[in-house]
Each structure stands twice: as C-alpha cells, then as structure tokens.
Amino acid sequence: MALDKLYQQLVLDHNRAPRNFGSVAGATHSARGRDALCGDDILVELVVEGDRIVRAGFSGEACAITTASASMLTEWLIGRSVSEFEHAFEQFEQVLANPDEPPCPELGDINELSAVSAFPARVRNALLPWRTAVRALSSPEG
C-alpha cells in the first residue's frame, strides 16, 4: 500500500473512531488547545501516577488531522513515563520537519503523520494535541 493511501486510511480511521475520546475521570492534569485559524478546540486530560501516564483522553471539536493525532497520541501515551513522552515529542517534531528521514521506531503508526509535512498549514494541526499534552503535564489539577 502506498504511503499516501496508508496515511489517508489511518487518519480517516482515527477520525471516524477516535480512541480515548471523552472526559477522563479523576484527571490529574489537563489543558485546552485551540487553533483559531481552523477552529480546533480540544481538551487533553491525563491521569499521572508518579512519573507514569496511566490514562489519557481528549475531547472537543477538531479537524481530521488534529483528531487523528490526538487519538494516536492518547493511545501511545498510556503506560508511558513523562520523560518518554517528552522524548517522543521531540522525535515527532523531527518526523514532521524531516519526512524523508527514516521513521522513529518508538512512535510506531504515529510516523505516518509525517505525510502532513507536505502541507505546512497542517503540521500545526498534527502538533496541537502534543503541545496541549505538554501544557497539561506542566499544570497539574489543583
């Protein structure tokens, strides 16, 4: 299957049936991410125990790219440490900036989002859930 078809299928699948969509009971960390240009407005909620992310979810209204990215991210996050996420975020930014480089094994299917790099305006959409998760982790619920 060609990369563009796999990417399209993956994005459509995660957009139609987003994983971890909805409120996260007992969230210890949360942040809202907005993109005024396209109208995306998402809330990322996490449950962190020690240094481990044990639950992750998102809600709100967003385009297909943002929804797919949030769905894949929240799937990937569960069971990972905060430091693993921080490293993965750096890797994901590199994947989007250098789509011709080999995929990052740690990211799995998330690498397929590198196809958005052909559309610079969409890179912002793919990064929104990630940047929102970074903000969530820096501001625990009080």
C-alpha atoms as a PDB file:
ATOM      1  CA  MET A   1       0.000   0.000   0.000  1.00  0.00           C
ATOM      2  CA  ALA A   2       1.385   3.439  -0.915  1.00  0.00           C
ATOM      3  CA  LEU A   3       2.297   5.756   1.956  1.00  0.00           C
ATOM      4  CA  ASP A   4      -0.311   8.342   0.982  1.00  0.00           C
ATOM      5  CA  LYS A   5      -3.063   5.710   0.985  1.00  0.00           C
ATOM      6  CA  LEU A   6      -1.929   4.281   4.321  1.00  0.00           C
ATOM      7  CA  TYR A   7      -1.764   7.780   5.788  1.00  0.00           C
ATOM      8  CA  GLN A   8      -5.212   8.630   4.471  1.00  0.00           C
ATOM      9  CA  GLN A   9      -6.678   5.361   5.763  1.00  0.00           C
ATOM     10  CA  LEU A  10      -5.049   5.797   9.183  1.00  0.00           C
ATOM     11  CA  VAL A  11      -6.249   9.394   9.565  1.00  0.00           C
ATOM     12  CA  LEU A  12      -9.768   8.507   8.449  1.00  0.00           C
ATOM     13  CA  ASP A  13      -9.911   5.550  10.831  1.00  0.00           C
ATOM     14  CA  HIS A  14      -8.782   7.605  13.835  1.00  0.00           C
ATOM     15  CA  ASN A  15     -11.088  10.465  12.837  1.00  0.00           C
ATOM     16  CA  ARG A  16     -14.164   8.237  12.458  1.00  0.00           C
ATOM     17  CA  ALA A  17     -13.488   6.248  15.624  1.00  0.00           C
ATOM     18  CA  PRO A  18     -11.127   8.255  17.816  1.00  0.00           C
ATOM     19  CA  ARG A  19      -9.553   6.305  20.634  1.00  0.00           C
ATOM     20  CA  ASN A  20      -9.754   7.702  24.159  1.00  0.00           C
ATOM     21  CA  PHE A  21     -12.278  10.362  23.146  1.00  0.00           C
ATOM     22  CA  GLY A  22     -14.199  11.742  26.088  1.00  0.00           C
ATOM     23  CA  SER A  23     -13.697  13.024  29.582  1.00  0.00           C
ATOM     24  CA  VAL A  24     -11.134  11.285  31.803  1.00  0.00           C
ATOM     25  CA  ALA A  25     -12.487  10.686  35.308  1.00  0.00           C
ATOM     26  CA  GLY A  26     -10.041  11.724  38.004  1.00  0.00           C
ATOM     27  CA  ALA A  27      -7.744  13.607  35.633  1.00  0.00           C
ATOM     28  CA  THR A  28      -4.680  14.905  37.443  1.00  0.00           C
ATOM     29  CA  HIS A  29      -3.507  17.073  34.537  1.00  0.00           C
ATOM     30  CA  SER A  30      -5.381  18.883  31.775  1.00  0.00           C
ATOM     31  CA  ALA A  31      -5.021  21.653  29.228  1.00  0.00           C
ATOM     32  CA  ARG A  32      -7.057  23.146  26.429  1.00  0.00           C
ATOM     33  CA  GLY A  33      -5.563  23.571  22.966  1.00  0.00           C
ATOM     34  CA  ARG A  34      -7.003  25.900  20.378  1.00  0.00           C
ATOM     35  CA  ASP A  35      -6.186  26.794  16.805  1.00  0.00           C
ATOM     36  CA  ALA A  36      -8.083  29.908  15.829  1.00  0.00           C
ATOM     37  CA  LEU A  37      -7.237  29.529  12.137  1.00  0.00           C
ATOM     38  CA  CYS A  38      -9.134  26.285  11.666  1.00  0.00           C
ATOM     39  CA  GLY A  39     -11.370  26.288  14.737  1.00  0.00           C
ATOM     40  CA  ASP A  40      -9.827  23.330  16.569  1.00  0.00           C
ATOM     41  CA  ASP A  41     -10.618  23.349  20.285  1.00  0.00           C
ATOM     42  CA  ILE A  42      -9.539  20.295  22.269  1.00  0.00           C
ATOM     43  CA  LEU A  43      -9.118  19.381  25.904  1.00  0.00           C
ATOM     44  CA  VAL A  44      -6.395  16.863  26.785  1.00  0.00           C
ATOM     45  CA  GLU A  45      -6.826  15.132  30.140  1.00  0.00           C
ATOM     46  CA  LEU A  46      -4.309  12.818  31.793  1.00  0.00           C
ATOM     47  CA  VAL A  47      -4.041  10.745  34.937  1.00  0.00           C
ATOM     48  CA  VAL A  48      -0.432  10.657  36.082  1.00  0.00           C
ATOM     49  CA  GLU A  49       0.729   8.434  38.926  1.00  0.00           C
ATOM     50  CA  GLY A  50       4.318   9.151  39.873  1.00  0.00           C
ATOM     51  CA  ASP A  51       6.090   9.532  36.536  1.00  0.00           C
ATOM     52  CA  ARG A  52       3.684   7.261  34.625  1.00  0.00           C
ATOM     53  CA  ILE A  53       0.723   8.305  32.495  1.00  0.00           C
ATOM     54  CA  VAL A  54      -1.957   5.745  33.351  1.00  0.00           C
ATOM     55  CA  ARG A  55      -4.928   7.250  31.498  1.00  0.00           C
ATOM     56  CA  ALA A  56      -5.192   9.738  28.655  1.00  0.00           C
ATOM     57  CA  GLY A  57      -8.077  11.197  26.755  1.00  0.00           C
ATOM     58  CA  PHE A  58      -9.246  14.158  24.755  1.00  0.00           C
ATOM     59  CA  SER A  59     -12.481  15.860  23.870  1.00  0.00           C
ATOM     60  CA  GLY A  60     -13.676  18.794  21.830  1.00  0.00           C
ATOM     61  CA  GLU A  61     -14.117  19.736  18.195  1.00  0.00           C
ATOM     62  CA  ALA A  62     -11.273  19.423  15.724  1.00  0.00           C
ATOM     63  CA  CYS A  63     -10.370  18.702  12.123  1.00  0.00           C
ATOM     64  CA  ALA A  64      -9.495  15.200  10.960  1.00  0.00           C
ATOM     65  CA  ILE A  65      -5.720  15.701  11.323  1.00  0.00           C
ATOM     66  CA  THR A  66      -5.947  17.033  14.886  1.00  0.00           C
ATOM     67  CA  THR A  67      -8.437  14.339  15.886  1.00  0.00           C
ATOM     68  CA  ALA A  68      -6.307  11.560  14.396  1.00  0.00           C
ATOM     69  CA  SER A  69      -3.157  12.930  16.020  1.00  0.00           C
ATOM     70  CA  ALA A  70      -4.884  13.199  19.422  1.00  0.00           C
ATOM     71  CA  SER A  71      -6.299   9.696  19.071  1.00  0.00           C
ATOM     72  CA  MET A  72      -2.925   8.179  18.184  1.00  0.00           C
ATOM     73  CA  LEU A  73      -1.146  10.186  20.870  1.00  0.00           C
ATOM     74  CA  THR A  74      -3.513   9.186  23.677  1.00  0.00           C
ATOM     75  CA  GLU A  75      -3.265   5.537  22.621  1.00  0.00           C
ATOM     76  CA  TRP A  76       0.518   5.765  22.672  1.00  0.00           C
ATOM     77  CA  LEU A  77       0.716   7.679  25.983  1.00  0.00           C
ATOM     78  CA  ILE A  78      -0.993   5.151  28.242  1.00  0.00           C
ATOM     79  CA  GLY A  79       1.593   3.358  30.351  1.00  0.00           C
ATOM     80  CA  ARG A  80       4.474   5.613  29.290  1.00  0.00           C
ATOM     81  CA  SER A  81       6.582   7.789  31.550  1.00  0.00           C
ATOM     82  CA  VAL A  82       6.520  11.567  31.331  1.00  0.00           C
ATOM     83  CA  SER A  83      10.160  11.529  30.202  1.00  0.00           C
ATOM     84  CA  GLU A  84       9.303   9.029  27.423  1.00  0.00           C
ATOM     85  CA  PHE A  85       6.617  11.430  26.232  1.00  0.00           C
ATOM     86  CA  GLU A  86       8.996  14.397  26.303  1.00  0.00           C
ATOM     87  CA  HIS A  87      11.497  12.461  24.184  1.00  0.00           C
ATOM     88  CA  ALA A  88       8.742  11.272  21.815  1.00  0.00           C
ATOM     89  CA  PHE A  89       7.521  14.846  21.363  1.00  0.00           C
ATOM     90  CA  GLU A  90      10.997  15.873  20.206  1.00  0.00           C
ATOM     91  CA  GLN A  91      11.065  12.862  17.886  1.00  0.00           C
ATOM     92  CA  PHE A  92       7.623  13.686  16.489  1.00  0.00           C
ATOM     93  CA  GLU A  93       8.683  17.268  15.751  1.00  0.00           C
ATOM     94  CA  GLN A  94      11.692  15.854  13.880  1.00  0.00           C
ATOM     95  CA  VAL A  95       9.494  13.431  11.940  1.00  0.00           C
ATOM     96  CA  LEU A  96       7.317  16.335  10.798  1.00  0.00           C
ATOM     97  CA  ALA A  97      10.297  18.556   9.983  1.00  0.00           C
ATOM     98  CA  ASN A  98      12.228  15.836   8.107  1.00  0.00           C
ATOM     99  CA  PRO A  99       9.742  13.468   6.444  1.00  0.00           C
ATOM    100  CA  ASP A 100      12.445  11.892   4.265  1.00  0.00           C
ATOM    101  CA  GLU A 101      14.355  10.615   7.292  1.00  0.00           C
ATOM    102  CA  PRO A 102      13.746   7.039   8.466  1.00  0.00           C
ATOM    103  CA  PRO A 103      10.749   6.626  10.782  1.00  0.00           C
ATOM    104  CA  CYS A 104      11.249   6.734  14.532  1.00  0.00           C
ATOM    105  CA  PRO A 105      10.636   3.168  15.809  1.00  0.00           C
ATOM    106  CA  GLU A 106       9.358   4.404  19.193  1.00  0.00           C
ATOM    107  CA  LEU A 107       6.465   6.245  17.529  1.00  0.00           C
ATOM    108  CA  GLY A 108       5.007   3.324  15.579  1.00  0.00           C
ATOM    109  CA  ASP A 109       1.988   4.336  13.442  1.00  0.00           C
ATOM    110  CA  ILE A 110       2.368   7.950  14.543  1.00  0.00           C
ATOM    111  CA  ASN A 111       5.185   8.160  11.974  1.00  0.00           C
ATOM    112  CA  GLU A 112       2.510   8.055   9.269  1.00  0.00           C
ATOM    113  CA  LEU A 113       1.536  11.604  10.214  1.00  0.00           C
ATOM    114  CA  SER A 114       4.802  12.720   8.585  1.00  0.00           C
ATOM    115  CA  ALA A 115       2.750  12.958   5.390  1.00  0.00           C
ATOM    116  CA  VAL A 116       1.282  16.236   6.689  1.00  0.00           C
ATOM    117  CA  SER A 117       4.687  17.866   6.249  1.00  0.00           C
ATOM    118  CA  ALA A 118       3.775  18.256   2.572  1.00  0.00           C
ATOM    119  CA  PHE A 119       1.098  20.675   3.786  1.00  0.00           C
ATOM    120  CA  PRO A 120       2.779  23.159   6.184  1.00  0.00           C
ATOM    121  CA  ALA A 121      -0.538  24.535   7.403  1.00  0.00           C
ATOM    122  CA  ARG A 122      -1.487  21.013   8.565  1.00  0.00           C
ATOM    123  CA  VAL A 123       1.691  20.463  10.603  1.00  0.00           C
ATOM    124  CA  ARG A 124       0.173  22.834  13.151  1.00  0.00           C
ATOM    125  CA  ASN A 125      -2.874  20.550  13.370  1.00  0.00           C
ATOM    126  CA  ALA A 126      -0.793  17.415  13.935  1.00  0.00           C
ATOM    127  CA  LEU A 127       1.196  19.155  16.682  1.00  0.00           C
ATOM    128  CA  LEU A 128      -1.765  20.686  18.553  1.00  0.00           C
ATOM    129  CA  PRO A 129      -2.578  17.618  20.714  1.00  0.00           C
ATOM    130  CA  TRP A 130       1.103  17.112  21.521  1.00  0.00           C
ATOM    131  CA  ARG A 131       1.654  20.721  22.539  1.00  0.00           C
ATOM    132  CA  THR A 132      -1.535  20.582  24.584  1.00  0.00           C
ATOM    133  CA  ALA A 133      -0.321  17.446  26.387  1.00  0.00           C
ATOM    134  CA  VAL A 134       2.956  19.232  27.188  1.00  0.00           C
ATOM    135  CA  ARG A 135       0.978  22.089  28.741  1.00  0.00           C
ATOM    136  CA  ALA A 136      -1.230  19.632  30.636  1.00  0.00           C
ATOM    137  CA  LEU A 137       1.796  17.939  32.152  1.00  0.00           C
ATOM    138  CA  SER A 138       3.176  21.280  33.290  1.00  0.00           C
ATOM    139  CA  SER A 139      -0.036  22.235  35.114  1.00  0.00           C
ATOM    140  CA  PRO A 140      -1.442  19.614  37.468  1.00  0.00           C
ATOM    141  CA  GLU A 141      -5.031  19.950  38.639  1.00  0.00           C
ATOM    142  CA  GLY A 142      -5.229  21.714  41.965  1.00  0.00           C
END
